[in-house]
Amino acid sequence: MAYLRFHSQDISPYTGERYGIFVAVWHLIRDERVTDEEAAEYWSHREWFEANLPIPPFYAEGNPDKAVTWFKRNALTQEMKTRLGFYHTLAAKYGVGIAEQSAESLANIIYEDAYQVAVV
């Protein structure tokens, strides 16, 4: 199976890995670097993802294993790709580069659902 991870170049001091696209864009919102309209659109996309992409249970515990998540390439729906496009565009507008990393296999999977896996 093939996996994809979209990430910034900034390293999380917590996990030691690059921030994933959701966190990288969240930092723009949190730091109020975007317009009010962009923030409103962000919240619309975030609500959609929270309703349609399972949230791994370890996040509720503060991610004690310092896991990072990867999408299953073949499980990304067209709607997910379109909505991820918003994150890519917003990040680029504010100088946050988002890279795409791929892998054919991953070790140390601690969580899996229909769309993603989490690894340590």
N, C-alpha and C. Protein backbone atom coordinates (compact mmCIF):
# COMPACT_ATOMS: atom_id res chain seq x y z
N MET A 1 0.85 -1.18 0.00
CA MET A 1 0.00 0.00 0.00
C MET A 1 0.89 1.24 0.00
N ALA A 2 0.43 2.28 -0.65
CA ALA A 2 1.19 3.54 -0.72
C ALA A 2 0.58 4.54 0.25
N TYR A 3 1.46 5.38 0.81
CA TYR A 3 1.06 6.37 1.80
C TYR A 3 1.58 7.74 1.39
N LEU A 4 0.86 8.78 1.82
CA LEU A 4 1.26 10.16 1.57
C LEU A 4 1.24 10.95 2.86
N ARG A 5 2.19 11.83 2.98
CA ARG A 5 2.19 12.78 4.11
C ARG A 5 2.51 14.15 3.55
N PHE A 6 1.68 15.11 3.89
CA PHE A 6 1.89 16.50 3.50
C PHE A 6 2.41 17.23 4.73
N HIS A 7 3.55 17.88 4.60
CA HIS A 7 4.15 18.51 5.77
C HIS A 7 4.90 19.78 5.41
N SER A 8 5.10 20.61 6.42
CA SER A 8 5.91 21.82 6.27
C SER A 8 7.37 21.45 6.50
N GLN A 9 8.23 22.43 6.43
CA GLN A 9 9.65 22.19 6.71
C GLN A 9 9.97 22.38 8.19
N ASP A 10 9.05 22.96 8.94
CA ASP A 10 9.29 23.22 10.36
C ASP A 10 9.16 21.93 11.17
N ILE A 11 10.08 21.77 12.10
CA ILE A 11 10.11 20.57 12.94
C ILE A 11 9.36 20.82 14.25
N SER A 12 8.50 19.90 14.59
CA SER A 12 7.79 19.96 15.86
C SER A 12 8.76 19.64 16.99
N PRO A 13 8.86 20.51 17.99
CA PRO A 13 9.73 20.19 19.11
C PRO A 13 9.20 19.01 19.93
N TYR A 14 7.93 18.69 19.75
CA TYR A 14 7.34 17.58 20.51
C TYR A 14 7.63 16.23 19.86
N THR A 15 7.34 16.11 18.55
CA THR A 15 7.52 14.81 17.89
C THR A 15 8.90 14.65 17.26
N GLY A 16 9.57 15.76 16.99
CA GLY A 16 10.84 15.71 16.28
C GLY A 16 10.66 15.51 14.79
N GLU A 17 9.42 15.51 14.32
CA GLU A 17 9.09 15.36 12.90
C GLU A 17 8.54 16.68 12.36
N ARG A 18 8.46 16.76 11.05
CA ARG A 18 7.90 17.98 10.44
C ARG A 18 6.41 18.07 10.72
N TYR A 19 5.96 19.31 10.93
CA TYR A 19 4.53 19.52 11.16
C TYR A 19 3.74 19.07 9.94
N GLY A 20 2.67 18.32 10.17
CA GLY A 20 1.76 17.95 9.10
C GLY A 20 0.98 19.16 8.61
N ILE A 21 0.34 19.00 7.47
CA ILE A 21 -0.36 20.12 6.83
C ILE A 21 -1.43 20.72 7.73
N PHE A 22 -2.16 19.90 8.48
CA PHE A 22 -3.21 20.44 9.33
C PHE A 22 -2.64 21.33 10.42
N VAL A 23 -1.57 20.93 11.04
CA VAL A 23 -0.96 21.74 12.10
C VAL A 23 -0.28 22.97 11.51
N ALA A 24 0.40 22.80 10.39
CA ALA A 24 1.09 23.94 9.77
C ALA A 24 0.11 25.06 9.44
N VAL A 25 -1.04 24.70 8.90
CA VAL A 25 -2.05 25.72 8.56
C VAL A 25 -2.73 26.23 9.83
N TRP A 26 -2.93 25.35 10.80
CA TRP A 26 -3.50 25.81 12.07
C TRP A 26 -2.64 26.91 12.67
N HIS A 27 -1.34 26.80 12.56
CA HIS A 27 -0.45 27.83 13.12
C HIS A 27 -0.72 29.19 12.47
N LEU A 28 -1.05 29.21 11.19
CA LEU A 28 -1.41 30.48 10.54
C LEU A 28 -2.68 31.07 11.14
N ILE A 29 -3.65 30.21 11.41
CA ILE A 29 -4.91 30.66 12.01
C ILE A 29 -4.66 31.13 13.44
N ARG A 30 -4.00 30.29 14.20
CA ARG A 30 -3.71 30.60 15.61
C ARG A 30 -2.96 31.92 15.76
N ASP A 31 -2.01 32.15 14.88
CA ASP A 31 -1.20 33.36 14.94
C ASP A 31 -1.83 34.56 14.25
N GLU A 32 -3.07 34.40 13.79
CA GLU A 32 -3.85 35.47 13.15
C GLU A 32 -3.12 36.11 11.97
N ARG A 33 -2.49 35.27 11.15
CA ARG A 33 -1.76 35.76 9.99
C ARG A 33 -2.64 35.83 8.74
N VAL A 34 -3.86 35.33 8.82
CA VAL A 34 -4.74 35.26 7.66
C VAL A 34 -5.87 36.28 7.79
N THR A 35 -6.58 36.50 6.69
CA THR A 35 -7.72 37.41 6.72
C THR A 35 -8.90 36.74 7.45
N ASP A 36 -9.87 37.54 7.83
CA ASP A 36 -11.06 36.99 8.47
C ASP A 36 -11.78 36.01 7.55
N GLU A 37 -11.82 36.34 6.25
CA GLU A 37 -12.48 35.46 5.28
C GLU A 37 -11.74 34.12 5.17
N GLU A 38 -10.42 34.17 5.14
CA GLU A 38 -9.63 32.94 5.07
C GLU A 38 -9.82 32.11 6.33
N ALA A 39 -9.87 32.77 7.47
CA ALA A 39 -10.09 32.04 8.73
C ALA A 39 -11.46 31.36 8.71
N ALA A 40 -12.48 32.06 8.23
CA ALA A 40 -13.82 31.46 8.16
C ALA A 40 -13.82 30.25 7.22
N GLU A 41 -13.12 30.36 6.09
CA GLU A 41 -13.05 29.23 5.17
C GLU A 41 -12.27 28.07 5.79
N TYR A 42 -11.20 28.41 6.51
CA TYR A 42 -10.44 27.38 7.23
C TYR A 42 -11.37 26.60 8.15
N TRP A 43 -12.16 27.31 8.97
CA TRP A 43 -13.03 26.62 9.92
C TRP A 43 -14.05 25.74 9.22
N SER A 44 -14.53 26.17 8.06
CA SER A 44 -15.45 25.35 7.29
C SER A 44 -14.79 24.04 6.85
N HIS A 45 -13.56 24.15 6.33
CA HIS A 45 -12.84 22.94 5.91
C HIS A 45 -12.48 22.07 7.11
N ARG A 46 -12.08 22.68 8.19
CA ARG A 46 -11.71 21.90 9.39
C ARG A 46 -12.91 21.12 9.91
N GLU A 47 -14.07 21.78 9.95
CA GLU A 47 -15.28 21.08 10.41
C GLU A 47 -15.59 19.89 9.51
N TRP A 48 -15.41 20.08 8.19
CA TRP A 48 -15.66 18.98 7.27
C TRP A 48 -14.71 17.82 7.56
N PHE A 49 -13.42 18.10 7.70
CA PHE A 49 -12.46 17.04 7.99
C PHE A 49 -12.77 16.36 9.31
N GLU A 50 -13.14 17.12 10.33
CA GLU A 50 -13.45 16.52 11.62
C GLU A 50 -14.66 15.60 11.54
N ALA A 51 -15.58 15.89 10.61
CA ALA A 51 -16.76 15.05 10.43
C ALA A 51 -16.50 13.86 9.51
N ASN A 52 -15.49 13.95 8.65
CA ASN A 52 -15.30 12.94 7.61
C ASN A 52 -13.97 12.18 7.66
N LEU A 53 -13.06 12.60 8.50
CA LEU A 53 -11.78 11.92 8.66
C LEU A 53 -11.65 11.58 10.14
N PRO A 54 -11.60 10.29 10.47
CA PRO A 54 -11.52 9.94 11.90
C PRO A 54 -10.33 10.62 12.58
N ILE A 55 -10.56 11.05 13.81
CA ILE A 55 -9.49 11.63 14.61
C ILE A 55 -8.90 10.50 15.45
N PRO A 56 -7.63 10.16 15.24
CA PRO A 56 -7.04 9.07 16.02
C PRO A 56 -7.19 9.32 17.52
N PRO A 57 -7.56 8.30 18.28
CA PRO A 57 -7.85 8.49 19.70
C PRO A 57 -6.67 8.98 20.52
N PHE A 58 -5.45 8.73 20.08
CA PHE A 58 -4.31 9.16 20.88
C PHE A 58 -4.19 10.68 20.97
N TYR A 59 -4.82 11.41 20.04
CA TYR A 59 -4.78 12.88 20.13
C TYR A 59 -5.52 13.37 21.36
N ALA A 60 -6.58 12.68 21.77
CA ALA A 60 -7.32 13.07 22.97
C ALA A 60 -6.47 12.91 24.22
N GLU A 61 -5.44 12.05 24.13
CA GLU A 61 -4.54 11.81 25.25
C GLU A 61 -3.28 12.66 25.16
N GLY A 62 -3.23 13.60 24.18
CA GLY A 62 -2.05 14.45 24.03
C GLY A 62 -0.95 13.81 23.19
N ASN A 63 -1.30 12.76 22.45
CA ASN A 63 -0.34 12.08 21.57
C ASN A 63 0.91 11.62 22.35
N PRO A 64 0.72 10.78 23.35
CA PRO A 64 1.85 10.39 24.21
C PRO A 64 2.97 9.63 23.48
N ASP A 65 2.63 8.97 22.38
CA ASP A 65 3.65 8.22 21.64
C ASP A 65 4.36 9.07 20.57
N LYS A 66 3.92 10.33 20.44
CA LYS A 66 4.51 11.27 19.47
C LYS A 66 4.38 10.75 18.04
N ALA A 67 3.20 10.25 17.72
CA ALA A 67 2.92 9.68 16.41
C ALA A 67 2.68 10.77 15.38
N VAL A 68 2.89 10.42 14.12
CA VAL A 68 2.52 11.27 12.99
C VAL A 68 1.63 10.45 12.07
N THR A 69 0.73 11.13 11.37
CA THR A 69 -0.22 10.44 10.52
C THR A 69 0.13 10.58 9.04
N TRP A 70 -0.22 9.56 8.31
CA TRP A 70 -0.03 9.48 6.86
C TRP A 70 -1.36 9.09 6.24
N PHE A 71 -1.69 9.69 5.09
CA PHE A 71 -2.86 9.28 4.35
C PHE A 71 -2.57 8.00 3.59
N LYS A 72 -3.58 7.17 3.44
CA LYS A 72 -3.51 6.05 2.51
C LYS A 72 -3.80 6.64 1.12
N ARG A 73 -2.85 6.54 0.23
CA ARG A 73 -2.98 7.20 -1.08
C ARG A 73 -4.29 6.84 -1.78
N ASN A 74 -4.63 5.58 -1.83
CA ASN A 74 -5.83 5.15 -2.55
C ASN A 74 -7.13 5.47 -1.83
N ALA A 75 -7.05 5.89 -0.59
CA ALA A 75 -8.25 6.19 0.18
C ALA A 75 -8.64 7.66 0.12
N LEU A 76 -7.75 8.50 -0.40
CA LEU A 76 -8.08 9.93 -0.49
C LEU A 76 -9.20 10.13 -1.50
N THR A 77 -10.31 10.65 -1.03
CA THR A 77 -11.43 10.91 -1.93
C THR A 77 -11.20 12.21 -2.69
N GLN A 78 -11.95 12.41 -3.74
CA GLN A 78 -11.83 13.66 -4.50
C GLN A 78 -12.17 14.86 -3.60
N GLU A 79 -13.16 14.71 -2.74
CA GLU A 79 -13.53 15.79 -1.82
C GLU A 79 -12.38 16.12 -0.88
N MET A 80 -11.70 15.09 -0.37
CA MET A 80 -10.55 15.33 0.50
C MET A 80 -9.44 16.06 -0.25
N LYS A 81 -9.17 15.63 -1.47
CA LYS A 81 -8.13 16.27 -2.27
C LYS A 81 -8.46 17.74 -2.52
N THR A 82 -9.72 18.00 -2.83
CA THR A 82 -10.15 19.39 -3.07
C THR A 82 -9.97 20.23 -1.82
N ARG A 83 -10.39 19.70 -0.70
CA ARG A 83 -10.28 20.46 0.56
C ARG A 83 -8.82 20.60 1.00
N LEU A 84 -8.00 19.59 0.76
CA LEU A 84 -6.57 19.73 1.05
C LEU A 84 -5.95 20.81 0.16
N GLY A 85 -6.51 20.99 -1.02
CA GLY A 85 -6.04 22.06 -1.91
C GLY A 85 -6.15 23.42 -1.25
N PHE A 86 -7.21 23.64 -0.49
CA PHE A 86 -7.34 24.90 0.24
C PHE A 86 -6.18 25.08 1.21
N TYR A 87 -5.83 24.03 1.93
CA TYR A 87 -4.73 24.11 2.88
C TYR A 87 -3.41 24.40 2.17
N HIS A 88 -3.19 23.74 1.05
CA HIS A 88 -1.97 23.99 0.26
C HIS A 88 -1.91 25.44 -0.19
N THR A 89 -3.01 25.95 -0.72
CA THR A 89 -3.06 27.31 -1.24
C THR A 89 -2.85 28.33 -0.14
N LEU A 90 -3.52 28.15 0.98
CA LEU A 90 -3.37 29.09 2.10
C LEU A 90 -1.95 29.08 2.63
N ALA A 91 -1.39 27.92 2.79
CA ALA A 91 -0.01 27.83 3.27
C ALA A 91 0.94 28.54 2.31
N ALA A 92 0.80 28.30 1.03
CA ALA A 92 1.68 28.93 0.03
C ALA A 92 1.54 30.44 0.04
N LYS A 93 0.32 30.93 0.19
CA LYS A 93 0.09 32.37 0.21
C LYS A 93 0.89 33.05 1.32
N TYR A 94 1.06 32.36 2.44
CA TYR A 94 1.74 32.94 3.59
C TYR A 94 3.16 32.39 3.77
N GLY A 95 3.70 31.84 2.71
CA GLY A 95 5.10 31.44 2.72
C GLY A 95 5.42 30.17 3.47
N VAL A 96 4.43 29.35 3.70
CA VAL A 96 4.65 28.07 4.36
C VAL A 96 4.66 26.99 3.29
N GLY A 97 5.83 26.49 2.97
CA GLY A 97 5.93 25.45 1.97
C GLY A 97 5.40 24.13 2.49
N ILE A 98 4.61 23.47 1.68
CA ILE A 98 4.10 22.15 2.03
C ILE A 98 4.66 21.15 1.03
N ALA A 99 5.36 20.17 1.54
CA ALA A 99 5.95 19.13 0.71
C ALA A 99 5.09 17.87 0.78
N GLU A 100 5.18 17.07 -0.26
CA GLU A 100 4.49 15.78 -0.29
C GLU A 100 5.55 14.69 -0.16
N GLN A 101 5.38 13.85 0.82
CA GLN A 101 6.28 12.72 1.04
C GLN A 101 5.49 11.45 0.79
N SER A 102 6.08 10.50 0.12
CA SER A 102 5.38 9.24 -0.14
C SER A 102 6.23 8.07 0.35
N ALA A 103 5.54 6.99 0.65
CA ALA A 103 6.21 5.77 1.09
C ALA A 103 5.37 4.59 0.63
N GLU A 104 6.03 3.53 0.24
CA GLU A 104 5.32 2.31 -0.16
C GLU A 104 4.96 1.44 1.04
N SER A 105 5.70 1.59 2.12
CA SER A 105 5.39 0.86 3.34
C SER A 105 5.86 1.69 4.53
N LEU A 106 5.27 1.44 5.66
CA LEU A 106 5.62 2.16 6.89
C LEU A 106 5.77 1.15 8.02
N ALA A 107 6.69 1.41 8.91
CA ALA A 107 6.88 0.56 10.08
C ALA A 107 6.27 1.23 11.30
N ASN A 108 6.10 0.48 12.34
CA ASN A 108 5.64 0.99 13.64
C ASN A 108 4.28 1.69 13.56
N ILE A 109 3.34 1.08 12.86
CA ILE A 109 1.98 1.62 12.79
C ILE A 109 1.28 1.34 14.11
N ILE A 110 0.77 2.42 14.72
CA ILE A 110 0.07 2.25 16.00
C ILE A 110 -1.43 2.52 15.88
N TYR A 111 -1.85 3.00 14.72
CA TYR A 111 -3.27 3.30 14.50
C TYR A 111 -3.55 3.18 13.01
N GLU A 112 -4.75 2.70 12.68
CA GLU A 112 -5.15 2.63 11.28
C GLU A 112 -6.66 2.75 11.18
N ASP A 113 -7.12 3.50 10.18
CA ASP A 113 -8.53 3.54 9.84
C ASP A 113 -8.62 3.46 8.32
N ALA A 114 -9.77 3.73 7.77
CA ALA A 114 -9.97 3.57 6.32
C ALA A 114 -9.14 4.55 5.51
N TYR A 115 -8.74 5.68 6.09
CA TYR A 115 -8.08 6.75 5.34
C TYR A 115 -6.63 7.01 5.69
N GLN A 116 -6.21 6.57 6.86
CA GLN A 116 -4.89 6.98 7.35
C GLN A 116 -4.30 5.96 8.31
N VAL A 117 -3.01 6.14 8.55
CA VAL A 117 -2.31 5.38 9.57
C VAL A 117 -1.51 6.38 10.40
N ALA A 118 -1.15 5.95 11.60
CA ALA A 118 -0.26 6.75 12.45
C ALA A 118 0.94 5.88 12.79
N VAL A 119 2.10 6.49 12.73
CA VAL A 119 3.34 5.76 13.00
C VAL A 119 4.17 6.48 14.05
N VAL A 120 5.01 5.70 14.73
CA VAL A 120 5.98 6.27 15.66
C VAL A 120 7.37 5.87 15.19
